[in-house]
Amino acid sequence: YVPEKNALVWTIKSFPGGKEYVLRCHFNLPSVDAEDDVKGKMPPIKVKFEIPYFTVSGI
């Protein structure tokens, strides 16, 4: 977890073919009162990834 980015960053140095990588995370959220309407206030989870210098065709 990188607090400055408010994000979980997962870096894989090598990604050879035929491999599968799995990341499982558990985040504990702060407690809220039952009176608080948190539904609709929580932003959706965003997933962003990039594979630099990688082409699917292998060219």
Protein backbone atom coordinates (compact mmCIF):
# COMPACT_ATOMS: atom_id res chain seq x y z
CA TYR A 1 0.00 0.00 0.00
CA VAL A 2 1.34 3.43 -0.98
CA PRO A 3 -0.40 6.04 1.19
CA GLU A 4 0.76 8.97 -0.96
CA LYS A 5 -1.12 7.47 -3.92
CA ASN A 6 -3.88 5.93 -1.82
CA ALA A 7 -3.24 2.79 -3.84
CA LEU A 8 -1.95 -0.74 -3.70
CA VAL A 9 0.99 -1.13 -6.09
CA TRP A 10 2.02 -4.59 -7.24
CA THR A 11 5.18 -4.82 -9.31
CA ILE A 12 6.21 -7.98 -11.16
CA LYS A 13 9.78 -7.80 -12.46
CA SER A 14 9.40 -10.66 -14.94
CA PHE A 15 6.28 -12.05 -16.57
CA PRO A 16 7.19 -15.19 -18.53
CA GLY A 17 4.58 -16.86 -20.71
CA GLY A 18 2.50 -19.71 -19.37
CA LYS A 19 2.48 -18.32 -15.82
CA GLU A 20 -0.38 -17.09 -13.72
CA TYR A 21 -0.05 -14.52 -10.98
CA VAL A 22 -2.71 -13.94 -8.36
CA LEU A 23 -2.97 -11.06 -5.94
CA ARG A 24 -5.45 -11.28 -3.10
CA CYS A 25 -5.89 -8.31 -0.81
CA HIS A 26 -7.96 -7.65 2.25
CA PHE A 27 -8.58 -4.05 3.24
CA ASN A 28 -9.95 -3.12 6.62
CA LEU A 29 -12.17 -0.09 6.44
CA PRO A 30 -12.72 2.20 9.40
CA SER A 31 -15.80 1.59 11.49
CA VAL A 32 -18.83 3.75 10.81
CA ASP A 33 -21.97 4.39 12.78
CA ALA A 34 -25.13 2.73 11.55
CA GLU A 35 -26.53 6.23 11.11
CA ASP A 36 -23.87 7.17 8.58
CA ASP A 37 -25.01 6.70 5.01
CA VAL A 38 -21.84 5.31 3.47
CA LYS A 39 -23.59 3.62 0.57
CA GLY A 40 -23.08 5.72 -2.49
CA LYS A 41 -20.29 7.71 -0.86
CA MET A 42 -17.58 5.12 -1.40
CA PRO A 43 -15.90 5.45 -4.77
CA PRO A 44 -15.76 2.35 -6.96
CA ILE A 45 -12.60 0.29 -7.04
CA LYS A 46 -10.40 1.18 -10.00
CA VAL A 47 -7.95 -1.23 -11.58
CA LYS A 48 -5.18 0.12 -13.75
CA PHE A 49 -2.33 -1.91 -15.17
CA GLU A 50 0.36 -1.63 -17.77
CA ILE A 51 2.88 -3.98 -19.28
CA PRO A 52 5.68 -1.79 -20.64
CA TYR A 53 7.39 -2.90 -23.84
CA PHE A 54 5.05 -5.89 -24.26
CA THR A 55 3.19 -6.77 -27.42
CA VAL A 56 0.73 -9.63 -27.67
CA SER A 57 1.97 -10.52 -31.15
CA GLY A 58 5.55 -10.92 -29.90
CA ILE A 59 6.88 -8.56 -32.58
